[in-house]
N, C-alpha and C. Protein backbone atom coordinates (compact mmCIF):
# COMPACT_ATOMS: atom_id res chain seq x y z
N UNK A 1 0.74 -1.12 0.00
CA UNK A 1 -0.12 -0.05 -0.26
C UNK A 1 0.76 1.20 -0.06
N UNK A 2 1.55 0.93 0.66
CA UNK A 2 2.82 2.17 0.78
C UNK A 2 3.56 2.65 -0.28
N UNK A 3 3.63 1.49 -1.15
CA UNK A 3 4.18 1.62 -2.64
C UNK A 3 3.54 1.97 -3.70
N UNK A 4 1.97 1.71 -3.37
CA UNK A 4 1.22 2.33 -4.43
C UNK A 4 0.91 3.75 -4.10
N UNK A 5 0.59 4.16 -2.50
CA UNK A 5 1.03 6.05 -2.61
C UNK A 5 2.11 6.89 -3.18
N UNK A 6 3.42 6.07 -3.16
CA UNK A 6 4.50 6.59 -3.59
C UNK A 6 4.32 6.56 -4.97
N UNK A 7 3.70 5.70 -6.02
CA UNK A 7 3.53 5.77 -7.11
C UNK A 7 2.44 6.60 -7.81
N UNK A 8 1.57 6.82 -6.85
CA UNK A 8 0.32 7.90 -7.39
C UNK A 8 1.02 9.57 -6.87
N UNK A 9 1.93 9.70 -6.10
CA UNK A 9 2.18 11.05 -6.30
C UNK A 9 2.89 11.79 -7.20
N UNK A 10 4.02 10.29 -7.79
CA UNK A 10 4.80 10.59 -8.69
C UNK A 10 4.21 11.08 -10.08
N UNK A 11 3.15 9.98 -10.22
CA UNK A 11 1.77 10.41 -11.14
C UNK A 11 1.26 11.71 -11.58
N UNK A 12 0.80 12.25 -9.76
CA UNK A 12 0.46 13.34 -9.86
C UNK A 12 1.24 14.56 -10.20
N UNK A 13 2.38 14.16 -9.68
CA UNK A 13 3.58 15.38 -9.99
C UNK A 13 3.68 15.85 -11.48
N UNK A 14 3.88 14.32 -11.83
CA UNK A 14 4.22 14.58 -13.49
C UNK A 14 2.97 14.88 -14.28
N UNK A 15 1.82 14.85 -13.84
CA UNK A 15 0.71 15.35 -14.25
C UNK A 15 0.62 16.74 -14.46
N UNK A 16 1.18 17.61 -13.00
CA UNK A 16 0.94 18.73 -13.38
C UNK A 16 2.12 19.39 -13.89
N UNK A 17 3.62 18.65 -13.87
CA UNK A 17 4.46 19.50 -14.97
C UNK A 17 4.03 19.67 -16.18
N UNK A 18 3.41 18.43 -16.65
CA UNK A 18 3.07 18.24 -18.20
C UNK A 18 2.26 19.68 -18.08
N UNK A 19 0.89 19.94 -17.01
CA UNK A 19 0.07 20.72 -17.54
C UNK A 19 0.59 21.98 -17.68
N UNK A 20 1.91 22.17 -17.10
CA UNK A 20 2.62 23.50 -16.98
C UNK A 20 3.36 23.55 -18.04
N UNK A 21 3.66 22.66 -19.11
CA UNK A 21 4.51 22.31 -20.08
C UNK A 21 3.49 22.88 -21.04
N UNK A 22 2.08 22.60 -21.16
CA UNK A 22 1.49 22.60 -22.29
C UNK A 22 0.69 23.91 -21.95
N UNK A 23 0.60 24.92 -21.35
CA UNK A 23 -0.05 25.88 -21.14
C UNK A 23 0.58 26.71 -22.13
N UNK A 24 -0.71 27.23 -22.67
CA UNK A 24 -0.13 28.30 -23.76
C UNK A 24 0.82 29.51 -23.30
N UNK A 25 0.45 30.09 -22.32
CA UNK A 25 0.76 31.46 -22.15
C UNK A 25 2.08 31.69 -20.90
N UNK A 26 1.91 30.31 -20.19
CA UNK A 26 3.04 30.30 -19.29
C UNK A 26 4.49 30.03 -19.84
N UNK A 27 4.50 29.35 -20.73
CA UNK A 27 5.99 28.77 -20.67
C UNK A 27 6.21 29.15 -22.51
N UNK A 28 6.05 30.24 -22.94
CA UNK A 28 6.51 30.29 -24.93
C UNK A 28 7.81 30.68 -24.53
N UNK A 29 8.31 29.81 -26.13
CA UNK A 29 9.75 30.18 -25.91
C UNK A 29 10.18 31.23 -26.17
N UNK A 30 9.60 32.25 -26.64
CA UNK A 30 10.04 33.55 -26.18
C UNK A 30 10.65 33.59 -24.86
N UNK A 31 10.00 33.38 -23.81
CA UNK A 31 10.15 33.84 -22.09
C UNK A 31 11.29 32.90 -21.65
N UNK A 32 11.51 31.20 -22.01
CA UNK A 32 12.56 30.51 -21.97
C UNK A 32 13.89 31.01 -22.63
N UNK A 33 13.95 31.22 -24.08
CA UNK A 33 15.30 30.89 -24.74
C UNK A 33 15.39 32.16 -25.21
N UNK A 34 14.59 33.01 -25.34
CA UNK A 34 15.00 34.50 -25.66
C UNK A 34 14.36 34.23 -27.27
N UNK A 35 14.39 35.35 -28.38
CA UNK A 35 13.70 35.51 -29.37
C UNK A 35 14.46 34.46 -30.20
N UNK A 36 13.79 33.92 -31.14
CA UNK A 36 14.15 32.98 -31.94
C UNK A 36 14.35 34.02 -33.34
N UNK A 37 14.02 34.64 -33.94
CA UNK A 37 14.32 35.41 -34.92
C UNK A 37 15.15 36.46 -34.29
N UNK A 38 16.87 36.56 -35.59
CA UNK A 38 17.32 37.67 -35.14
C UNK A 38 16.13 38.89 -35.37
N UNK A 39 17.13 40.79 -35.32
CA UNK A 39 16.71 41.60 -35.32
C UNK A 39 16.63 42.13 -36.45
N UNK A 40 17.67 41.32 -37.42
CA UNK A 40 17.78 41.55 -38.97
C UNK A 40 16.40 41.45 -39.71
N UNK A 41 16.24 40.22 -39.18
CA UNK A 41 14.77 39.74 -39.75
C UNK A 41 13.97 40.04 -39.63
N UNK A 42 13.21 40.72 -38.53
CA UNK A 42 12.39 41.23 -38.44
C UNK A 42 12.20 42.65 -39.25
N UNK A 43 13.23 43.31 -39.54
CA UNK A 43 13.10 44.38 -40.13
C UNK A 43 12.82 44.26 -41.93
N UNK A 44 13.09 43.23 -42.33
CA UNK A 44 12.83 42.79 -43.25
C UNK A 44 11.24 43.01 -44.05
N UNK A 45 10.92 43.69 -44.87
CA UNK A 45 9.60 43.70 -45.27
C UNK A 45 8.72 42.19 -45.16
N UNK A 46 9.01 41.82 -46.03
CA UNK A 46 8.63 40.30 -46.17
C UNK A 46 9.26 39.50 -46.68
N UNK A 47 9.19 38.05 -46.47
CA UNK A 47 9.77 36.89 -46.56
C UNK A 47 10.17 36.89 -48.12
N UNK A 48 11.48 36.50 -48.54
CA UNK A 48 12.24 36.66 -50.02
C UNK A 48 11.83 34.98 -50.15
N UNK A 49 11.54 34.93 -51.65
CA UNK A 49 11.18 33.62 -52.05
C UNK A 49 12.11 33.13 -53.18
N UNK A 50 12.95 32.42 -53.18
CA UNK A 50 14.05 32.19 -54.56
C UNK A 50 13.77 30.76 -55.11
N UNK A 51 14.08 31.24 -56.12
CA UNK A 51 13.92 29.65 -57.48
C UNK A 51 15.21 29.52 -58.17
N UNK A 52 15.35 28.37 -57.65
CA UNK A 52 17.15 28.15 -57.89
C UNK A 52 16.68 27.12 -59.04
N UNK A 53 17.86 27.34 -60.51
CA UNK A 53 17.70 26.62 -61.36
C UNK A 53 19.17 26.38 -62.01
N UNK A 54 19.62 25.64 -61.70
CA UNK A 54 20.91 24.88 -62.05
C UNK A 54 21.04 24.32 -63.83
N UNK A 55 21.80 25.16 -64.23
CA UNK A 55 21.72 25.06 -66.14
C UNK A 55 23.01 24.27 -66.40
N UNK A 56 23.54 23.39 -65.38
CA UNK A 56 24.60 22.28 -65.94
C UNK A 56 25.54 22.31 -65.13
N UNK A 57 25.98 22.64 -64.21
CA UNK A 57 26.85 22.59 -63.01
C UNK A 57 27.55 21.33 -62.44
N UNK A 58 28.46 21.49 -61.88
CA UNK A 58 29.27 19.90 -61.20
C UNK A 58 28.53 19.54 -59.60
N UNK A 59 27.32 20.80 -59.59
CA UNK A 59 26.99 20.24 -58.56
C UNK A 59 27.46 21.31 -56.94
N UNK A 60 28.84 21.96 -57.11
CA UNK A 60 29.00 22.50 -56.22
C UNK A 60 28.34 23.61 -55.48
N UNK A 61 28.13 24.77 -56.61
CA UNK A 61 27.31 25.56 -55.80
C UNK A 61 26.18 25.23 -55.17
N UNK A 62 25.34 24.16 -55.94
CA UNK A 62 24.12 23.50 -55.18
C UNK A 62 24.78 23.04 -53.76
N UNK A 63 25.46 22.40 -53.58
CA UNK A 63 25.83 22.03 -51.92
C UNK A 63 26.19 22.96 -51.39
N UNK A 64 26.23 24.17 -52.00
CA UNK A 64 26.42 25.15 -50.89
C UNK A 64 25.23 26.12 -50.71
N UNK A 65 24.55 25.75 -51.67
CA UNK A 65 23.16 26.46 -51.19
C UNK A 65 21.84 25.63 -50.56
N UNK A 66 22.59 24.41 -50.11
CA UNK A 66 21.50 23.56 -49.60
C UNK A 66 22.28 23.93 -48.15
N UNK A 67 23.58 23.86 -47.97
CA UNK A 67 24.24 24.26 -46.86
C UNK A 67 23.13 25.43 -46.10
N UNK A 68 22.79 26.67 -46.74
CA UNK A 68 22.32 27.37 -46.41
C UNK A 68 20.68 27.33 -45.22
N UNK A 69 20.47 25.99 -45.62
CA UNK A 69 19.21 25.62 -44.92
C UNK A 69 19.43 24.82 -43.60
N UNK A 70 21.16 24.48 -43.25
CA UNK A 70 21.30 24.06 -42.00
C UNK A 70 21.37 24.87 -40.94
N UNK A 71 21.46 23.97 -39.72
CA UNK A 71 21.14 24.81 -38.40
C UNK A 71 22.26 25.72 -38.49
N UNK A 72 23.41 25.89 -39.31
CA UNK A 72 24.38 26.73 -39.00
C UNK A 72 24.41 28.27 -38.96
N UNK A 73 23.48 28.46 -41.05
CA UNK A 73 23.18 29.17 -41.36
C UNK A 73 21.61 29.45 -41.24
N UNK A 74 21.23 28.30 -41.74
CA UNK A 74 19.27 28.69 -41.13
C UNK A 74 18.64 29.89 -41.92
N UNK A 75 18.69 30.26 -43.00
CA UNK A 75 17.82 30.78 -43.69
C UNK A 75 16.53 31.30 -43.68
N UNK A 76 15.98 30.33 -43.24
CA UNK A 76 14.36 30.58 -42.80
C UNK A 76 14.46 31.54 -41.48
N UNK A 77 15.09 31.92 -40.57
CA UNK A 77 15.32 32.39 -39.69
C UNK A 77 15.38 33.98 -40.09
N UNK A 78 15.71 34.45 -41.71
CA UNK A 78 15.65 35.67 -41.98
C UNK A 78 14.71 35.83 -43.08
N UNK A 79 13.45 34.69 -43.10
CA UNK A 79 12.68 34.90 -44.15
C UNK A 79 12.68 34.60 -45.13
N UNK A 80 14.05 34.07 -45.53
CA UNK A 80 14.21 33.55 -46.62
C UNK A 80 14.16 32.02 -47.19
N UNK A 81 13.44 31.42 -47.92
CA UNK A 81 13.02 30.22 -48.70
C UNK A 81 13.02 30.62 -50.12
N UNK A 82 13.14 28.89 -50.40
CA UNK A 82 13.12 28.19 -51.99
C UNK A 82 11.75 27.89 -52.41
N UNK A 83 11.43 28.40 -53.51
CA UNK A 83 10.13 28.23 -53.69
C UNK A 83 9.88 27.19 -55.17
N UNK A 84 9.40 26.15 -55.15
CA UNK A 84 9.29 25.42 -56.21
C UNK A 84 8.64 25.75 -57.67
N UNK A 85 7.48 27.02 -57.63
CA UNK A 85 6.98 27.62 -58.42
C UNK A 85 7.51 28.76 -58.79
N UNK A 86 8.01 29.33 -60.46
CA UNK A 86 8.76 30.63 -60.38
C UNK A 86 7.44 31.46 -60.46
N UNK A 87 6.31 31.37 -60.47
CA UNK A 87 5.11 32.29 -60.54
C UNK A 87 5.13 33.15 -58.68
N UNK A 88 5.68 32.16 -58.07
CA UNK A 88 5.78 33.02 -56.43
C UNK A 88 7.09 33.06 -56.15
N UNK A 89 8.28 33.47 -56.95
CA UNK A 89 9.45 33.53 -56.54
C UNK A 89 9.43 34.97 -56.92
N UNK A 90 11.07 35.49 -56.19
CA UNK A 90 11.08 36.79 -56.10
C UNK A 90 12.06 37.02 -56.73
N UNK A 91 12.68 35.86 -56.56
CA UNK A 91 14.46 35.92 -57.52
C UNK A 91 14.72 34.46 -58.02
N UNK A 92 15.51 34.45 -58.93
CA UNK A 92 15.85 33.34 -59.49
C UNK A 92 17.29 33.18 -59.26
N UNK A 93 17.77 32.02 -58.93
CA UNK A 93 19.25 31.73 -58.56
C UNK A 93 19.74 31.15 -59.67
N UNK A 94 20.50 31.34 -60.48
CA UNK A 94 21.12 30.62 -61.05
C UNK A 94 22.69 29.93 -60.87
N UNK A 95 22.74 28.63 -61.11
CA UNK A 95 23.96 28.17 -61.11
C UNK A 95 24.53 27.27 -62.20
N UNK A 96 25.65 26.96 -62.09
CA UNK A 96 26.11 26.49 -63.63
C UNK A 96 26.32 27.24 -64.99
N UNK A 97 27.17 26.61 -65.65
CA UNK A 97 27.17 27.33 -67.24
C UNK A 97 25.88 27.39 -67.82
N UNK A 98 25.69 28.42 -68.75
CA UNK A 98 24.52 28.53 -69.56
C UNK A 98 24.61 27.16 -70.70
N UNK A 99 23.61 26.45 -70.48
CA UNK A 99 23.85 25.50 -71.36
C UNK A 99 22.97 25.61 -72.54
N UNK A 100 22.76 24.84 -73.85
CA UNK A 100 21.75 24.32 -74.64
C UNK A 100 20.83 23.76 -74.13
N UNK A 101 20.86 22.40 -73.25
CA UNK A 101 19.72 22.22 -72.96
C UNK A 101 18.80 22.31 -71.81
N UNK A 102 19.55 23.79 -71.07
CA UNK A 102 18.95 23.88 -70.51
C UNK A 102 18.19 25.42 -70.51
N UNK A 103 18.63 25.95 -72.38
CA UNK A 103 18.24 27.21 -72.49
C UNK A 103 16.66 27.60 -72.75
N UNK A 104 16.22 26.85 -73.07
CA UNK A 104 14.34 26.91 -73.23
C UNK A 104 13.80 26.67 -71.60
N UNK A 105 14.40 26.24 -70.94
CA UNK A 105 13.57 26.04 -69.31
C UNK A 105 14.28 26.80 -68.34
N UNK A 106 15.39 27.61 -68.63
CA UNK A 106 16.21 28.82 -68.34
C UNK A 106 15.07 30.34 -68.87
N UNK A 107 15.00 30.18 -70.26
CA UNK A 107 13.69 31.13 -70.24
C UNK A 107 12.35 31.05 -69.85
N UNK A 108 11.73 29.72 -70.30
CA UNK A 108 10.17 30.11 -69.30
C UNK A 108 10.65 29.91 -68.09
N UNK A 109 11.44 29.61 -67.23
CA UNK A 109 11.44 30.10 -65.99
C UNK A 109 11.17 31.28 -65.55
N UNK A 110 12.10 32.49 -66.33
CA UNK A 110 12.30 33.57 -66.52
C UNK A 110 10.97 34.59 -66.92
N UNK A 111 10.31 33.87 -67.66
CA UNK A 111 9.27 34.50 -68.56
C UNK A 111 7.71 34.38 -67.38
N UNK A 112 7.90 33.13 -66.59
CA UNK A 112 6.73 32.79 -65.47
C UNK A 112 7.18 33.82 -64.06
N UNK A 113 7.93 34.11 -63.99
CA UNK A 113 8.36 34.85 -62.84
C UNK A 113 7.35 36.34 -63.13
N UNK A 114 6.74 37.00 -62.14
CA UNK A 114 5.95 38.18 -61.88
C UNK A 114 6.72 39.31 -62.48
N UNK A 115 8.15 39.33 -62.06
CA UNK A 115 9.33 40.18 -62.31
C UNK A 115 10.43 39.43 -62.37
N UNK A 116 11.01 39.32 -63.25
CA UNK A 116 12.29 38.65 -63.64
C UNK A 116 13.76 39.28 -62.98
N UNK A 117 14.09 38.53 -62.31
CA UNK A 117 15.32 39.16 -61.15
C UNK A 117 16.21 38.47 -61.02
N UNK A 118 17.50 38.13 -61.37
CA UNK A 118 18.27 37.10 -61.24
C UNK A 118 19.46 37.06 -60.55
N UNK A 119 19.63 36.50 -59.76
CA UNK A 119 21.48 36.63 -59.22
C UNK A 119 21.83 35.07 -59.63
N UNK A 120 23.56 35.44 -59.92
CA UNK A 120 24.17 34.35 -60.37
C UNK A 120 24.93 33.96 -59.02
N UNK A 121 25.52 32.38 -59.06
CA UNK A 121 26.01 32.04 -58.15
C UNK A 121 27.26 31.19 -58.79
N UNK A 122 28.37 31.32 -58.36
CA UNK A 122 29.82 30.56 -58.76
C UNK A 122 29.99 30.92 -60.30
N UNK A 123 31.91 30.51 -60.02
CA UNK A 123 32.37 31.10 -61.65
C UNK A 123 31.80 30.84 -62.77
N UNK A 124 31.11 29.85 -62.67
CA UNK A 124 30.80 29.00 -63.95
C UNK A 124 29.64 29.69 -64.88
N UNK A 125 28.86 30.61 -63.89
CA UNK A 125 27.72 31.30 -64.43
C UNK A 125 28.13 32.60 -65.07
N UNK A 126 29.50 32.91 -64.48
CA UNK A 126 30.01 34.47 -65.11
C UNK A 126 30.56 33.87 -66.78
N UNK A 127 31.95 33.17 -66.61
CA UNK A 127 32.62 32.66 -67.83
C UNK A 127 32.32 31.27 -68.37
N UNK A 128 31.45 30.56 -67.63
CA UNK A 128 31.65 29.16 -67.77
C UNK A 128 32.32 28.23 -67.13
N UNK A 129 33.07 28.41 -66.14
CA UNK A 129 34.36 28.32 -65.81
C UNK A 129 35.19 26.77 -66.55
N UNK A 130 35.41 25.60 -65.48
CA UNK A 130 35.70 24.81 -66.19
C UNK A 130 35.20 24.31 -67.59
N UNK A 131 33.78 24.37 -67.69
CA UNK A 131 32.94 23.94 -68.80
C UNK A 131 32.97 25.07 -69.90
N UNK A 132 33.86 26.01 -69.58
CA UNK A 132 33.80 27.12 -71.04
C UNK A 132 34.09 26.52 -72.54
N UNK A 133 35.14 25.90 -72.60
CA UNK A 133 35.35 25.46 -73.54
C UNK A 133 33.95 24.00 -74.11
N UNK A 134 33.28 23.84 -73.77
CA UNK A 134 32.51 22.64 -73.88
C UNK A 134 31.68 22.97 -75.35
N UNK A 135 31.13 22.52 -76.21
CA UNK A 135 30.45 22.25 -77.19
C UNK A 135 28.89 22.98 -76.61
N UNK A 136 28.61 22.27 -75.23
CA UNK A 136 27.16 22.60 -74.58
C UNK A 136 26.85 23.94 -73.87
N UNK A 137 28.10 24.61 -73.86
CA UNK A 137 27.92 26.18 -73.06
C UNK A 137 27.73 27.37 -74.57
N UNK A 138 26.62 27.79 -74.39
CA UNK A 138 26.28 28.82 -75.10
C UNK A 138 26.07 30.02 -74.11
N UNK A 139 26.36 31.37 -74.91
CA UNK A 139 26.19 32.65 -74.20
C UNK A 139 24.80 32.90 -73.76
N UNK A 140 24.64 33.73 -72.98
CA UNK A 140 23.16 33.81 -72.20
C UNK A 140 22.16 34.87 -73.42
N UNK A 141 21.05 34.48 -73.16
CA UNK A 141 20.01 35.42 -74.40
C UNK A 141 20.22 36.68 -73.33
N UNK A 142 19.73 38.14 -74.28
CA UNK A 142 19.98 39.30 -73.63
C UNK A 142 19.00 39.39 -72.56
N UNK A 143 18.04 39.07 -72.84
CA UNK A 143 16.82 38.97 -71.65
C UNK A 143 17.20 38.39 -70.32
N UNK A 144 17.88 37.15 -70.20
CA UNK A 144 18.80 36.62 -69.03
C UNK A 144 19.59 37.72 -68.53
N UNK A 145 20.56 38.07 -69.64
CA UNK A 145 21.79 38.76 -69.39
C UNK A 145 21.17 40.55 -68.48
N UNK A 146 20.26 40.70 -69.01
CA UNK A 146 20.08 41.95 -68.60
C UNK A 146 19.33 42.00 -67.63
N UNK A 147 18.48 40.49 -66.83
CA UNK A 147 18.08 40.96 -65.47
C UNK A 147 18.83 39.92 -64.31
N UNK A 148 20.20 39.85 -64.60
CA UNK A 148 20.87 39.27 -63.31
C UNK A 148 21.45 41.01 -62.41
N UNK A 149 20.87 41.04 -61.17
CA UNK A 149 21.32 41.58 -60.69
C UNK A 149 22.76 41.90 -59.46
N UNK A 150 22.94 40.48 -59.42
CA UNK A 150 24.35 40.33 -58.31
C UNK A 150 24.90 38.87 -58.80
N UNK A 151 25.94 39.02 -58.25
CA UNK A 151 27.01 37.77 -58.45
C UNK A 151 27.78 37.59 -57.55
N UNK A 152 27.78 36.08 -56.92
CA UNK A 152 28.79 35.85 -56.13
C UNK A 152 29.47 34.97 -56.82
N UNK A 153 30.83 35.16 -56.60
CA UNK A 153 32.10 34.44 -57.27
C UNK A 153 32.29 33.60 -56.64
N UNK A 154 33.34 32.79 -57.05
CA UNK A 154 33.75 31.46 -56.29
C UNK A 154 33.51 30.38 -56.76
N UNK A 155 34.32 29.18 -56.47
CA UNK A 155 34.15 27.63 -57.12
C UNK A 155 34.67 26.48 -56.05
N UNK A 156 33.44 26.52 -55.23
CA UNK A 156 32.50 26.79 -55.03
C UNK A 156 32.10 28.16 -54.18
N UNK A 157 31.38 29.15 -54.37
CA UNK A 157 31.23 30.09 -53.45
C UNK A 157 31.00 29.53 -51.85
N UNK A 158 31.86 30.47 -50.97
CA UNK A 158 31.01 30.30 -49.39
C UNK A 158 29.81 30.71 -48.97
N UNK A 159 29.36 29.79 -48.07
CA UNK A 159 27.34 29.94 -47.64
C UNK A 159 27.42 31.42 -47.52
N UNK A 160 28.71 31.85 -46.21
CA UNK A 160 28.37 33.19 -45.86
C UNK A 160 28.24 34.45 -46.63
N UNK A 161 29.27 34.01 -47.75
CA UNK A 161 28.76 35.37 -49.26
C UNK A 161 27.68 35.38 -49.56
N UNK A 162 27.06 33.85 -49.82
CA UNK A 162 25.90 34.19 -50.35
C UNK A 162 24.89 34.44 -49.34
N UNK A 163 24.50 34.15 -48.52
CA UNK A 163 24.00 34.79 -47.43
C UNK A 163 23.82 36.25 -47.01
N UNK A 164 25.19 36.75 -47.31
CA UNK A 164 24.79 38.10 -47.40
C UNK A 164 24.36 38.84 -48.43
N UNK A 165 24.57 38.40 -49.71
CA UNK A 165 24.27 39.05 -50.80
C UNK A 165 22.05 39.03 -50.35
N UNK A 166 22.05 37.59 -50.24
CA UNK A 166 20.41 37.35 -50.14
C UNK A 166 20.01 38.47 -48.91
N UNK A 167 20.86 39.06 -47.63
CA UNK A 167 20.10 39.48 -46.92
C UNK A 167 20.01 41.17 -47.55
N UNK A 168 21.18 41.29 -48.75
CA UNK A 168 20.73 42.86 -48.95
C UNK A 168 19.80 42.99 -50.14
N UNK A 169 19.14 41.85 -50.42
CA UNK A 169 18.13 41.83 -51.23
C UNK A 169 17.05 42.46 -51.17
N UNK A 170 16.21 43.54 -51.70
CA UNK A 170 14.94 44.00 -51.00
C UNK A 170 13.80 42.64 -52.12
N UNK A 171 13.06 42.34 -51.15
CA UNK A 171 12.00 41.48 -51.86
C UNK A 171 10.90 42.29 -52.74
N UNK A 172 10.79 43.48 -51.99
CA UNK A 172 9.67 44.73 -53.15
C UNK A 172 10.61 45.50 -53.56
N UNK A 173 11.03 45.32 -55.02
CA UNK A 173 11.79 46.28 -55.60
C UNK A 173 10.65 47.26 -56.42
N UNK A 174 11.25 48.46 -56.40
CA UNK A 174 10.89 49.63 -56.90
C UNK A 174 10.01 49.24 -58.08
């Protein structure tokens, strides 16, 4: 009997603690751990939606773009996320050399965006990089070339440099 009372009191204590943990206003993450989002992210007018297009690279730049989503860089805390549809994207992120096979897809993607804004990442997007002498690499069309706003150089570029560029871009240009 004595053992039963001890077990009952443990369960009673656990129930009270669980009730405290799930009380909506008592223990919010803001009070326990401080602000989750940095002050830079709070000053952004709204989220920045990115559409990534690999035009034919070695995937080095893609790995660095993927690194932006890991806990070290965590682009989500700044309100930046990748979008699967170009219709909802604010910015087209191009990696790799501009190739024949992706020419039509790149032009259709740029045309589907509400306002064509492009940033290029990696040396291959500027001069073809190690692929520059390949038969598949072609010059960018004028419509794509004129829409490029910024470039991050490097082979592959550092994720910090990519993140710093993304933080300077206004999702709502005039």
